[in-house]
Amino acid sequence: MLERTWRDLRPRLAAEPAGSVVLTRHGDAMALEEFLVTRVVEVVLHGLDLADALERGAWTSRPALEAVADLLFSAGPGAFGPETLEAVRAATGRALPGRPGAEALEAAGVRFLALG
């Protein structure tokens, strides 16, 4: 179902002019590109929560994970390499035992956002 939805949605998104604005469910105006990033963030972070609750490995895609990392970190795309997932976990309060915490990330240029 997700694949079909993406297949149907992709050409519609591509047809939108640069600078398109949407209204969020709260009635706020937001650039379409920024709104789409918020949807990716939601899927990645809640997907991590589900994976942890089910005691399974994270199933996020690399491009989605990099989009979240680009939003969170000023260190630049790919700065954490294979540790990007753990850095995103730590920056969003989802660090697993024995993994880097917030202090280690501050030195790496993490921009702590209000994610709620």
PDB file of N, CA and C in Angstrom:
ATOM      1  N   MET A   1       0.815  -1.189   0.000  1.00  0.00           N
ATOM      2  CA  MET A   1       0.000   0.000   0.000  1.00  0.00           C
ATOM      3  C   MET A   1       0.865   1.261   0.000  1.00  0.00           C
ATOM      4  N   LEU A   2       1.927   1.276   0.811  1.00  0.00           N
ATOM      5  CA  LEU A   2       2.804   2.444   0.861  1.00  0.00           C
ATOM      6  C   LEU A   2       3.451   2.692  -0.505  1.00  0.00           C
ATOM      7  N   GLU A   3       3.847   1.617  -1.160  1.00  0.00           N
ATOM      8  CA  GLU A   3       4.466   1.760  -2.485  1.00  0.00           C
ATOM      9  C   GLU A   3       3.482   2.368  -3.480  1.00  0.00           C
ATOM     10  N   ARG A   4       2.238   1.933  -3.432  1.00  0.00           N
ATOM     11  CA  ARG A   4       1.226   2.470  -4.343  1.00  0.00           C
ATOM     12  C   ARG A   4       0.963   3.945  -4.036  1.00  0.00           C
ATOM     13  N   THR A   5       0.895   4.275  -2.757  1.00  0.00           N
ATOM     14  CA  THR A   5       0.664   5.666  -2.365  1.00  0.00           C
ATOM     15  C   THR A   5       1.796   6.549  -2.873  1.00  0.00           C
ATOM     16  N   TRP A   6       3.049   6.091  -2.674  1.00  0.00           N
ATOM     17  CA  TRP A   6       4.192   6.870  -3.149  1.00  0.00           C
ATOM     18  C   TRP A   6       4.168   6.998  -4.671  1.00  0.00           C
ATOM     19  N   ARG A   7       3.831   5.928  -5.361  1.00  0.00           N
ATOM     20  CA  ARG A   7       3.783   5.961  -6.827  1.00  0.00           C
ATOM     21  C   ARG A   7       2.749   6.988  -7.309  1.00  0.00           C
ATOM     22  N   ASP A   8       1.615   7.081  -6.608  1.00  0.00           N
ATOM     23  CA  ASP A   8       0.571   8.035  -6.977  1.00  0.00           C
ATOM     24  C   ASP A   8       0.937   9.469  -6.587  1.00  0.00           C
ATOM     25  N   LEU A   9       1.620   9.614  -5.468  1.00  0.00           N
ATOM     26  CA  LEU A   9       1.924  10.938  -4.939  1.00  0.00           C
ATOM     27  C   LEU A   9       3.128  11.593  -5.604  1.00  0.00           C
ATOM     28  N   ARG A  10       4.110  10.792  -5.975  1.00  0.00           N
ATOM     29  CA  ARG A  10       5.363  11.351  -6.504  1.00  0.00           C
ATOM     30  C   ARG A  10       5.166  12.311  -7.679  1.00  0.00           C
ATOM     31  N   PRO A  11       4.389  11.957  -8.711  1.00  0.00           N
ATOM     32  CA  PRO A  11       4.222  12.926  -9.818  1.00  0.00           C
ATOM     33  C   PRO A  11       3.475  14.185  -9.391  1.00  0.00           C
ATOM     34  N   ARG A  12       2.571  14.062  -8.446  1.00  0.00           N
ATOM     35  CA  ARG A  12       1.851  15.247  -7.964  1.00  0.00           C
ATOM     36  C   ARG A  12       2.807  16.192  -7.250  1.00  0.00           C
ATOM     37  N   LEU A  13       3.724  15.639  -6.445  1.00  0.00           N
ATOM     38  CA  LEU A  13       4.706  16.478  -5.757  1.00  0.00           C
ATOM     39  C   LEU A  13       5.656  17.135  -6.749  1.00  0.00           C
ATOM     40  N   ALA A  14       6.088  16.363  -7.744  1.00  0.00           N
ATOM     41  CA  ALA A  14       7.017  16.895  -8.751  1.00  0.00           C
ATOM     42  C   ALA A  14       6.381  18.030  -9.551  1.00  0.00           C
ATOM     43  N   ALA A  15       5.066  18.013  -9.691  1.00  0.00           N
ATOM     44  CA  ALA A  15       4.365  19.042 -10.467  1.00  0.00           C
ATOM     45  C   ALA A  15       4.163  20.335  -9.676  1.00  0.00           C
ATOM     46  N   GLU A  16       4.367  20.291  -8.382  1.00  0.00           N
ATOM     47  CA  GLU A  16       4.182  21.493  -7.560  1.00  0.00           C
ATOM     48  C   GLU A  16       5.287  22.502  -7.857  1.00  0.00           C
ATOM     49  N   PRO A  17       4.929  23.764  -8.009  1.00  0.00           N
ATOM     50  CA  PRO A  17       5.961  24.776  -8.256  1.00  0.00           C
ATOM     51  C   PRO A  17       6.822  25.007  -7.011  1.00  0.00           C
ATOM     52  N   ALA A  18       8.043  25.452  -7.249  1.00  0.00           N
ATOM     53  CA  ALA A  18       8.945  25.774  -6.140  1.00  0.00           C
ATOM     54  C   ALA A  18       8.281  26.825  -5.251  1.00  0.00           C
ATOM     55  N   GLY A  19       8.430  26.662  -3.964  1.00  0.00           N
ATOM     56  CA  GLY A  19       7.862  27.622  -3.030  1.00  0.00           C
ATOM     57  C   GLY A  19       6.402  27.382  -2.687  1.00  0.00           C
ATOM     58  N   SER A  20       5.857  26.227  -3.077  1.00  0.00           N
ATOM     59  CA  SER A  20       4.462  25.929  -2.741  1.00  0.00           C
ATOM     60  C   SER A  20       4.276  25.919  -1.235  1.00  0.00           C
ATOM     61  N   VAL A  21       3.121  26.371  -0.818  1.00  0.00           N
ATOM     62  CA  VAL A  21       2.788  26.453   0.602  1.00  0.00           C
ATOM     63  C   VAL A  21       1.569  25.587   0.864  1.00  0.00           C
ATOM     64  N   VAL A  22       1.577  24.887   1.995  1.00  0.00           N
ATOM     65  CA  VAL A  22       0.441  24.071   2.410  1.00  0.00           C
ATOM     66  C   VAL A  22      -0.013  24.553   3.777  1.00  0.00           C
ATOM     67  N   LEU A  23      -1.238  24.205   4.135  1.00  0.00           N
ATOM     68  CA  LEU A  23      -1.724  24.462   5.475  1.00  0.00           C
ATOM     69  C   LEU A  23      -1.612  23.172   6.263  1.00  0.00           C
ATOM     70  N   THR A  24      -1.005  23.260   7.443  1.00  0.00           N
ATOM     71  CA  THR A  24      -0.879  22.079   8.284  1.00  0.00           C
ATOM     72  C   THR A  24      -2.242  21.773   8.906  1.00  0.00           C
ATOM     73  N   ARG A  25      -2.329  20.657   9.591  1.00  0.00           N
ATOM     74  CA  ARG A  25      -3.608  20.297  10.215  1.00  0.00           C
ATOM     75  C   ARG A  25      -3.998  21.287  11.313  1.00  0.00           C
ATOM     76  N   HIS A  26      -3.040  22.103  11.743  1.00  0.00           N
ATOM     77  CA  HIS A  26      -3.320  23.123  12.757  1.00  0.00           C
ATOM     78  C   HIS A  26      -3.664  24.466  12.121  1.00  0.00           C
ATOM     79  N   GLY A  27      -3.651  24.517  10.776  1.00  0.00           N
ATOM     80  CA  GLY A  27      -3.993  25.741  10.066  1.00  0.00           C
ATOM     81  C   GLY A  27      -2.837  26.681   9.819  1.00  0.00           C
ATOM     82  N   ASP A  28      -1.607  26.249  10.150  1.00  0.00           N
ATOM     83  CA  ASP A  28      -0.428  27.090   9.917  1.00  0.00           C
ATOM     84  C   ASP A  28       0.063  26.915   8.490  1.00  0.00           C
ATOM     85  N   ALA A  29       0.521  28.001   7.875  1.00  0.00           N
ATOM     86  CA  ALA A  29       1.116  27.927   6.544  1.00  0.00           C
ATOM     87  C   ALA A  29       2.559  27.436   6.678  1.00  0.00           C
ATOM     88  N   MET A  30       2.950  26.535   5.774  1.00  0.00           N
ATOM     89  CA  MET A  30       4.304  25.978   5.804  1.00  0.00           C
ATOM     90  C   MET A  30       4.719  25.640   4.379  1.00  0.00           C
ATOM     91  N   ALA A  31       5.984  25.886   4.076  1.00  0.00           N
ATOM     92  CA  ALA A  31       6.504  25.517   2.756  1.00  0.00           C
ATOM     93  C   ALA A  31       6.344  24.005   2.571  1.00  0.00           C
ATOM     94  N   LEU A  32       5.902  23.599   1.401  1.00  0.00           N
ATOM     95  CA  LEU A  32       5.673  22.180   1.121  1.00  0.00           C
ATOM     96  C   LEU A  32       6.922  21.358   1.390  1.00  0.00           C
ATOM     97  N   GLU A  33       8.074  21.841   0.948  1.00  0.00           N
ATOM     98  CA  GLU A  33       9.321  21.103   1.149  1.00  0.00           C
ATOM     99  C   GLU A  33       9.605  20.879   2.636  1.00  0.00           C
ATOM    100  N   GLU A  34       9.387  21.906   3.445  1.00  0.00           N
ATOM    101  CA  GLU A  34       9.599  21.769   4.889  1.00  0.00           C
ATOM    102  C   GLU A  34       8.561  20.843   5.512  1.00  0.00           C
ATOM    103  N   PHE A  35       7.324  20.924   5.046  1.00  0.00           N
ATOM    104  CA  PHE A  35       6.277  20.039   5.552  1.00  0.00           C
ATOM    105  C   PHE A  35       6.625  18.579   5.281  1.00  0.00           C
ATOM    106  N   LEU A  36       7.133  18.302   4.081  1.00  0.00           N
ATOM    107  CA  LEU A  36       7.501  16.924   3.746  1.00  0.00           C
ATOM    108  C   LEU A  36       8.629  16.421   4.642  1.00  0.00           C
ATOM    109  N   VAL A  37       9.567  17.294   4.993  1.00  0.00           N
ATOM    110  CA  VAL A  37      10.632  16.897   5.915  1.00  0.00           C
ATOM    111  C   VAL A  37      10.033  16.525   7.270  1.00  0.00           C
ATOM    112  N   THR A  38       9.026  17.276   7.732  1.00  0.00           N
ATOM    113  CA  THR A  38       8.414  16.933   9.025  1.00  0.00           C
ATOM    114  C   THR A  38       7.776  15.555   8.979  1.00  0.00           C
ATOM    115  N   ARG A  39       7.228  15.179   7.838  1.00  0.00           N
ATOM    116  CA  ARG A  39       6.598  13.854   7.715  1.00  0.00           C
ATOM    117  C   ARG A  39       7.668  12.756   7.759  1.00  0.00           C
ATOM    118  N   VAL A  40       8.813  13.010   7.128  1.00  0.00           N
ATOM    119  CA  VAL A  40       9.913  12.043   7.165  1.00  0.00           C
ATOM    120  C   VAL A  40      10.420  11.891   8.598  1.00  0.00           C
ATOM    121  N   VAL A  41      10.566  13.012   9.303  1.00  0.00           N
ATOM    122  CA  VAL A  41      11.014  12.967  10.697  1.00  0.00           C
ATOM    123  C   VAL A  41      10.059  12.120  11.527  1.00  0.00           C
ATOM    124  N   GLU A  42       8.765  12.335  11.371  1.00  0.00           N
ATOM    125  CA  GLU A  42       7.772  11.564  12.123  1.00  0.00           C
ATOM    126  C   GLU A  42       7.897  10.068  11.844  1.00  0.00           C
ATOM    127  N   VAL A  43       7.997   9.712  10.580  1.00  0.00           N
ATOM    128  CA  VAL A  43       8.083   8.293  10.222  1.00  0.00           C
ATOM    129  C   VAL A  43       9.354   7.667  10.792  1.00  0.00           C
ATOM    130  N   VAL A  44      10.481   8.354  10.653  1.00  0.00           N
ATOM    131  CA  VAL A  44      11.748   7.804  11.152  1.00  0.00           C
ATOM    132  C   VAL A  44      11.719   7.651  12.673  1.00  0.00           C
ATOM    133  N   LEU A  45      11.360   8.711  13.386  1.00  0.00           N
ATOM    134  CA  LEU A  45      11.425   8.662  14.849  1.00  0.00           C
ATOM    135  C   LEU A  45      10.391   7.708  15.446  1.00  0.00           C
ATOM    136  N   HIS A  46       9.180   7.748  14.937  1.00  0.00           N
ATOM    137  CA  HIS A  46       8.183   6.815  15.462  1.00  0.00           C
ATOM    138  C   HIS A  46       8.480   5.390  15.022  1.00  0.00           C
ATOM    139  N   GLY A  47       9.104   5.243  13.864  1.00  0.00           N
ATOM    140  CA  GLY A  47       9.551   3.916  13.441  1.00  0.00           C
ATOM    141  C   GLY A  47      10.608   3.362  14.388  1.00  0.00           C
ATOM    142  N   LEU A  48      11.525   4.228  14.846  1.00  0.00           N
ATOM    143  CA  LEU A  48      12.510   3.796  15.841  1.00  0.00           C
ATOM    144  C   LEU A  48      11.824   3.381  17.139  1.00  0.00           C
ATOM    145  N   ASP A  49      10.828   4.150  17.546  1.00  0.00           N
ATOM    146  CA  ASP A  49      10.092   3.810  18.766  1.00  0.00           C
ATOM    147  C   ASP A  49       9.426   2.437  18.641  1.00  0.00           C
ATOM    148  N   LEU A  50       8.802   2.199  17.491  1.00  0.00           N
ATOM    149  CA  LEU A  50       8.150   0.902  17.272  1.00  0.00           C
ATOM    150  C   LEU A  50       9.163  -0.237  17.237  1.00  0.00           C
ATOM    151  N   ALA A  51      10.255  -0.020  16.536  1.00  0.00           N
ATOM    152  CA  ALA A  51      11.283  -1.063  16.449  1.00  0.00           C
ATOM    153  C   ALA A  51      11.812  -1.397  17.840  1.00  0.00           C
ATOM    154  N   ASP A  52      12.055  -0.377  18.647  1.00  0.00           N
ATOM    155  CA  ASP A  52      12.545  -0.607  20.003  1.00  0.00           C
ATOM    156  C   ASP A  52      11.500  -1.339  20.845  1.00  0.00           C
ATOM    157  N   ALA A  53      10.242  -0.914  20.735  1.00  0.00           N
ATOM    158  CA  ALA A  53       9.181  -1.548  21.517  1.00  0.00           C
ATOM    159  C   ALA A  53       8.999  -3.016  21.134  1.00  0.00           C
ATOM    160  N   LEU A  54       9.214  -3.314  19.859  1.00  0.00           N
ATOM    161  CA  LEU A  54       9.068  -4.696  19.374  1.00  0.00           C
ATOM    162  C   LEU A  54      10.373  -5.481  19.450  1.00  0.00           C
ATOM    163  N   GLU A  55      11.415  -4.806  19.964  1.00  0.00           N
ATOM    164  CA  GLU A  55      12.748  -5.401  20.074  1.00  0.00           C
ATOM    165  C   GLU A  55      13.245  -5.920  18.723  1.00  0.00           C
ATOM    166  N   ARG A  56      13.118  -5.061  17.727  1.00  0.00           N
ATOM    167  CA  ARG A  56      13.589  -5.357  16.370  1.00  0.00           C
ATOM    168  C   ARG A  56      14.555  -4.279  15.927  1.00  0.00           C
ATOM    169  N   GLY A  57      15.312  -4.584  14.899  1.00  0.00           N
ATOM    170  CA  GLY A  57      16.221  -3.589  14.352  1.00  0.00           C
ATOM    171  C   GLY A  57      15.464  -2.475  13.656  1.00  0.00           C
ATOM    172  N   ALA A  58      16.077  -1.307  13.616  1.00  0.00           N
ATOM    173  CA  ALA A  58      15.457  -0.174  12.921  1.00  0.00           C
ATOM    174  C   ALA A  58      15.323  -0.498  11.439  1.00  0.00           C
ATOM    175  N   TRP A  59      14.236  -0.070  10.824  1.00  0.00           N
ATOM    176  CA  TRP A  59      14.009  -0.383   9.419  1.00  0.00           C
ATOM    177  C   TRP A  59      13.923   0.874   8.548  1.00  0.00           C
ATOM    178  N   THR A  60      14.442   1.980   9.022  1.00  0.00           N
ATOM    179  CA  THR A  60      14.401   3.205   8.233  1.00  0.00           C
ATOM    180  C   THR A  60      15.345   3.120   7.036  1.00  0.00           C
ATOM    181  N   SER A  61      15.022   3.867   5.999  1.00  0.00           N
ATOM    182  CA  SER A  61      15.904   3.906   4.830  1.00  0.00           C
ATOM    183  C   SER A  61      17.039   4.888   5.091  1.00  0.00           C
ATOM    184  N   ARG A  62      18.140   4.712   4.391  1.00  0.00           N
ATOM    185  CA  ARG A  62      19.288   5.607   4.547  1.00  0.00           C
ATOM    186  C   ARG A  62      18.936   7.045   4.154  1.00  0.00           C
ATOM    187  N   PRO A  63      18.230   7.271   3.011  1.00  0.00           N
ATOM    188  CA  PRO A  63      17.882   8.663   2.669  1.00  0.00           C
ATOM    189  C   PRO A  63      16.997   9.331   3.724  1.00  0.00           C
ATOM    190  N   ALA A  64      16.063   8.588   4.302  1.00  0.00           N
ATOM    191  CA  ALA A  64      15.199   9.163   5.340  1.00  0.00           C
ATOM    192  C   ALA A  64      16.016   9.495   6.582  1.00  0.00           C
ATOM    193  N   LEU A  65      16.901   8.589   6.968  1.00  0.00           N
ATOM    194  CA  LEU A  65      17.753   8.817   8.131  1.00  0.00           C
ATOM    195  C   LEU A  65      18.656  10.028   7.905  1.00  0.00           C
ATOM    196  N   GLU A  66      19.208  10.167   6.716  1.00  0.00           N
ATOM    197  CA  GLU A  66      20.072  11.315   6.407  1.00  0.00           C
ATOM    198  C   GLU A  66      19.279  12.621   6.430  1.00  0.00           C
ATOM    199  N   ALA A  67      18.013  12.596   6.003  1.00  0.00           N
ATOM    200  CA  ALA A  67      17.184  13.802   6.048  1.00  0.00           C
ATOM    201  C   ALA A  67      16.997  14.267   7.490  1.00  0.00           C
ATOM    202  N   VAL A  68      16.768  13.320   8.399  1.00  0.00           N
ATOM    203  CA  VAL A  68      16.616  13.656   9.816  1.00  0.00           C
ATOM    204  C   VAL A  68      17.946  14.165  10.374  1.00  0.00           C
ATOM    205  N   ALA A  69      19.027  13.503  10.041  1.00  0.00           N
ATOM    206  CA  ALA A  69      20.352  13.924  10.522  1.00  0.00           C
ATOM    207  C   ALA A  69      20.691  15.324  10.009  1.00  0.00           C
ATOM    208  N   ASP A  70      20.377  15.611   8.753  1.00  0.00           N
ATOM    209  CA  ASP A  70      20.644  16.942   8.201  1.00  0.00           C
ATOM    210  C   ASP A  70      19.885  18.017   8.972  1.00  0.00           C
ATOM    211  N   LEU A  71      18.680  17.689   9.428  1.00  0.00           N
ATOM    212  CA  LEU A  71      17.888  18.636  10.200  1.00  0.00           C
ATOM    213  C   LEU A  71      18.482  18.847  11.593  1.00  0.00           C
ATOM    214  N   LEU A  72      18.961  17.774  12.199  1.00  0.00           N
ATOM    215  CA  LEU A  72      19.430  17.827  13.582  1.00  0.00           C
ATOM    216  C   LEU A  72      20.854  18.342  13.759  1.00  0.00           C
ATOM    217  N   PHE A  73      21.730  18.006  12.821  1.00  0.00           N
ATOM    218  CA  PHE A  73      23.155  18.227  13.049  1.00  0.00           C
ATOM    219  C   PHE A  73      23.728  19.275  12.107  1.00  0.00           C
ATOM    220  N   SER A  74      24.559  20.155  12.661  1.00  0.00           N
ATOM    221  CA  SER A  74      25.237  21.140  11.826  1.00  0.00           C
ATOM    222  C   SER A  74      26.570  20.598  11.310  1.00  0.00           C
ATOM    223  N   ALA A  75      26.894  19.361  11.663  1.00  0.00           N
ATOM    224  CA  ALA A  75      28.173  18.764  11.271  1.00  0.00           C
ATOM    225  C   ALA A  75      28.232  18.442   9.779  1.00  0.00           C
ATOM    226  N   GLY A  76      27.110  18.500   9.086  1.00  0.00           N
ATOM    227  CA  GLY A  76      27.090  18.241   7.648  1.00  0.00           C
ATOM    228  C   GLY A  76      26.612  16.837   7.332  1.00  0.00           C
ATOM    229  N   PRO A  77      26.108  16.658   6.100  1.00  0.00           N
ATOM    230  CA  PRO A  77      25.584  15.363   5.692  1.00  0.00           C
ATOM    231  C   PRO A  77      26.634  14.258   5.798  1.00  0.00           C
ATOM    232  N   GLY A  78      26.242  13.161   6.352  1.00  0.00           N
ATOM    233  CA  GLY A  78      27.121  11.996   6.425  1.00  0.00           C
ATOM    234  C   GLY A  78      28.226  12.099   7.455  1.00  0.00           C
ATOM    235  N   ALA A  79      28.213  13.132   8.321  1.00  0.00           N
ATOM    236  CA  ALA A  79      29.302  13.334   9.277  1.00  0.00           C
ATOM    237  C   ALA A  79      29.455  12.175  10.254  1.00  0.00           C
ATOM    238  N   PHE A  80      28.369  11.477  10.528  1.00  0.00           N
ATOM    239  CA  PHE A  80      28.417  10.391  11.500  1.00  0.00           C
ATOM    240  C   PHE A  80      28.589   9.028  10.841  1.00  0.00           C
ATOM    241  N   GLY A  81      28.547   8.983   9.514  1.00  0.00           N
ATOM    242  CA  GLY A  81      28.740   7.717   8.800  1.00  0.00           C
ATOM    243  C   GLY A  81      27.807   6.639   9.304  1.00  0.00           C
ATOM    244  N   PRO A  82      28.354   5.457   9.590  1.00  0.00           N
ATOM    245  CA  PRO A  82      27.504   4.353  10.028  1.00  0.00           C
ATOM    246  C   PRO A  82      26.886   4.571  11.408  1.00  0.00           C
ATOM    247  N   GLU A  83      27.364   5.589  12.128  1.00  0.00           N
ATOM    248  CA  GLU A  83      26.820   5.872  13.460  1.00  0.00           C
ATOM    249  C   GLU A  83      25.666   6.888  13.415  1.00  0.00           C
ATOM    250  N   THR A  84      25.199   7.225  12.224  1.00  0.00           N
ATOM    251  CA  THR A  84      24.132   8.220  12.100  1.00  0.00           C
ATOM    252  C   THR A  84      22.892   7.809  12.873  1.00  0.00           C
ATOM    253  N   LEU A  85      22.513   6.547  12.797  1.00  0.00           N
ATOM    254  CA  LEU A  85      21.324   6.079  13.504  1.00  0.00           C
ATOM    255  C   LEU A  85      21.473   6.301  15.010  1.00  0.00           C
ATOM    256  N   GLU A  86      22.625   5.976  15.552  1.00  0.00           N
ATOM    257  CA  GLU A  86      22.831   6.148  16.993  1.00  0.00           C
ATOM    258  C   GLU A  86      22.869   7.631  17.365  1.00  0.00           C
ATOM    259  N   ALA A  87      23.423   8.465  16.500  1.00  0.00           N
ATOM    260  CA  ALA A  87      23.447   9.903  16.764  1.00  0.00           C
ATOM    261  C   ALA A  87      22.029  10.473  16.764  1.00  0.00           C
ATOM    262  N   VAL A  88      21.206  10.053  15.813  1.00  0.00           N
ATOM    263  CA  VAL A  88      19.806  10.501  15.761  1.00  0.00           C
ATOM    264  C   VAL A  88      19.062  10.014  16.998  1.00  0.00           C
ATOM    265  N   ARG A  89      19.295   8.765  17.378  1.00  0.00           N
ATOM    266  CA  ARG A  89      18.659   8.239  18.603  1.00  0.00           C
ATOM    267  C   ARG A  89      19.014   9.114  19.806  1.00  0.00           C
ATOM    268  N   ALA A  90      20.284   9.420  19.968  1.00  0.00           N
ATOM    269  CA  ALA A  90      20.731  10.190  21.129  1.00  0.00           C
ATOM    270  C   ALA A  90      20.182  11.613  21.099  1.00  0.00           C
ATOM    271  N   ALA A  91      20.208  12.244  19.943  1.00  0.00           N
ATOM    272  CA  ALA A  91      19.762  13.631  19.832  1.00  0.00           C
ATOM    273  C   ALA A  91      18.264  13.782  20.073  1.00  0.00           C
ATOM    274  N   THR A  92      17.512  12.718  19.883  1.00  0.00           N
ATOM    275  CA  THR A  92      16.060  12.780  20.069  1.00  0.00           C
ATOM    276  C   THR A  92      15.605  12.067  21.337  1.00  0.00           C
ATOM    277  N   GLY A  93      16.555  11.786  22.232  1.00  0.00           N
ATOM    278  CA  GLY A  93      16.205  11.170  23.493  1.00  0.00           C
ATOM    279  C   GLY A  93      15.913   9.689  23.397  1.00  0.00           C
ATOM    280  N   ARG A  94      16.409   9.046  22.351  1.00  0.00           N
ATOM    281  CA  ARG A  94      16.161   7.631  22.140  1.00  0.00           C
ATOM    282  C   ARG A  94      17.437   6.799  22.230  1.00  0.00           C
ATOM    283  N   ALA A  95      18.450   7.322  22.933  1.00  0.00           N
ATOM    284  CA  ALA A  95      19.715   6.593  23.039  1.00  0.00           C
ATOM    285  C   ALA A  95      19.499   5.278  23.762  1.00  0.00           C
ATOM    286  N   LEU A  96      20.106   4.242  23.256  1.00  0.00           N
ATOM    287  CA  LEU A  96      20.041   2.933  23.886  1.00  0.00           C
ATOM    288  C   LEU A  96      21.183   2.813  24.890  1.00  0.00           C
ATOM    289  N   PRO A  97      21.062   1.953  25.873  1.00  0.00           N
ATOM    290  CA  PRO A  97      22.136   1.810  26.865  1.00  0.00           C
ATOM    291  C   PRO A  97      23.498   1.580  26.213  1.00  0.00           C
ATOM    292  N   GLY A  98      24.519   2.275  26.736  1.00  0.00           N
ATOM    293  CA  GLY A  98      25.873   2.116  26.233  1.00  0.00           C
ATOM    294  C   GLY A  98      26.179   2.930  24.989  1.00  0.00           C
ATOM    295  N   ARG A  99      25.258   3.745  24.522  1.00  0.00           N
ATOM    296  CA  ARG A  99      25.465   4.554  23.309  1.00  0.00           C
ATOM    297  C   ARG A  99      25.753   5.999  23.700  1.00  0.00           C
ATOM    298  N   PRO A 100      26.276   6.806  22.757  1.00  0.00           N
ATOM    299  CA  PRO A 100      26.598   8.191  23.092  1.00  0.00           C
ATOM    300  C   PRO A 100      25.363   8.969  23.528  1.00  0.00           C
ATOM    301  N   GLY A 101      25.545   9.809  24.522  1.00  0.00           N
ATOM    302  CA  GLY A 101      24.451  10.634  25.019  1.00  0.00           C
ATOM    303  C   GLY A 101      24.535  12.048  24.485  1.00  0.00           C
ATOM    304  N   ALA A 102      23.723  12.918  25.041  1.00  0.00           N
ATOM    305  CA  ALA A 102      23.619  14.296  24.566  1.00  0.00           C
ATOM    306  C   ALA A 102      24.935  15.054  24.667  1.00  0.00           C
ATOM    307  N   GLU A 103      25.712  14.807  25.723  1.00  0.00           N
ATOM    308  CA  GLU A 103      26.965  15.549  25.898  1.00  0.00           C
ATOM    309  C   GLU A 103      27.917  15.307  24.728  1.00  0.00           C
ATOM    310  N   ALA A 104      28.030  14.061  24.309  1.00  0.00           N
ATOM    311  CA  ALA A 104      28.932  13.741  23.204  1.00  0.00           C
ATOM    312  C   ALA A 104      28.467  14.381  21.910  1.00  0.00           C
ATOM    313  N   LEU A 105      27.169  14.554  21.761  1.00  0.00           N
ATOM    314  CA  LEU A 105      26.642  15.121  20.526  1.00  0.00           C
ATOM    315  C   LEU A 105      26.775  16.644  20.468  1.00  0.00           C
ATOM    316  N   GLU A 106      26.706  17.308  21.606  1.00  0.00           N
ATOM    317  CA  GLU A 106      26.851  18.764  21.615  1.00  0.00           C
ATOM    318  C   GLU A 106      28.173  19.179  20.983  1.00  0.00           C
ATOM    319  N   ALA A 107      29.223  18.443  21.280  1.00  0.00           N
ATOM    320  CA  ALA A 107      30.540  18.744  20.711  1.00  0.00           C
ATOM    321  C   ALA A 107      30.577  18.509  19.211  1.00  0.00           C
ATOM    322  N   ALA A 108      29.664  17.700  18.696  1.00  0.00           N
ATOM    323  CA  ALA A 108      29.614  17.400  17.261  1.00  0.00           C
ATOM    324  C   ALA A 108      28.706  18.359  16.504  1.00  0.00           C
ATOM    325  N   GLY A 109      28.180  19.370  17.186  1.00  0.00           N
ATOM    326  CA  GLY A 109      27.364  20.367  16.495  1.00  0.00           C
ATOM    327  C   GLY A 109      25.889  20.054  16.424  1.00  0.00           C
ATOM    328  N   VAL A 110      25.371  19.260  17.337  1.00  0.00           N
ATOM    329  CA  VAL A 110      23.958  18.929  17.332  1.00  0.00           C
ATOM    330  C   VAL A 110      23.141  20.173  17.641  1.00  0.00           C
ATOM    331  N   ARG A 111      22.103  20.381  16.869  1.00  0.00           N
ATOM    332  CA  ARG A 111      21.140  21.434  17.158  1.00  0.00           C
ATOM    333  C   ARG A 111      19.942  20.760  17.817  1.00  0.00           C
ATOM    334  N   PHE A 112      19.807  20.905  19.109  1.00  0.00           N
ATOM    335  CA  PHE A 112      18.706  20.268  19.807  1.00  0.00           C
ATOM    336  C   PHE A 112      17.432  21.061  19.526  1.00  0.00           C
ATOM    337  N   LEU A 113      16.491  20.398  18.894  1.00  0.00           N
ATOM    338  CA  LEU A 113      15.230  21.024  18.514  1.00  0.00           C
ATOM    339  C   LEU A 113      14.148  20.600  19.482  1.00  0.00           C
ATOM    340  N   ALA A 114      13.082  21.370  19.523  1.00  0.00           N
ATOM    341  CA  ALA A 114      11.921  20.986  20.314  1.00  0.00           C
ATOM    342  C   ALA A 114      11.083  20.053  19.446  1.00  0.00           C
ATOM    343  N   LEU A 115      11.234  18.770  19.657  1.00  0.00           N
ATOM    344  CA  LEU A 115      10.470  17.778  18.887  1.00  0.00           C
ATOM    345  C   LEU A 115       9.386  17.229  19.793  1.00  0.00           C
ATOM    346  N   GLY A 116       8.175  17.570  19.509  1.00  0.00           N
ATOM    347  CA  GLY A 116       7.119  17.091  20.377  1.00  0.00           C
ATOM    348  C   GLY A 116       5.856  16.838  19.657  1.00  0.00           C
TER     349      GLY A 116
END
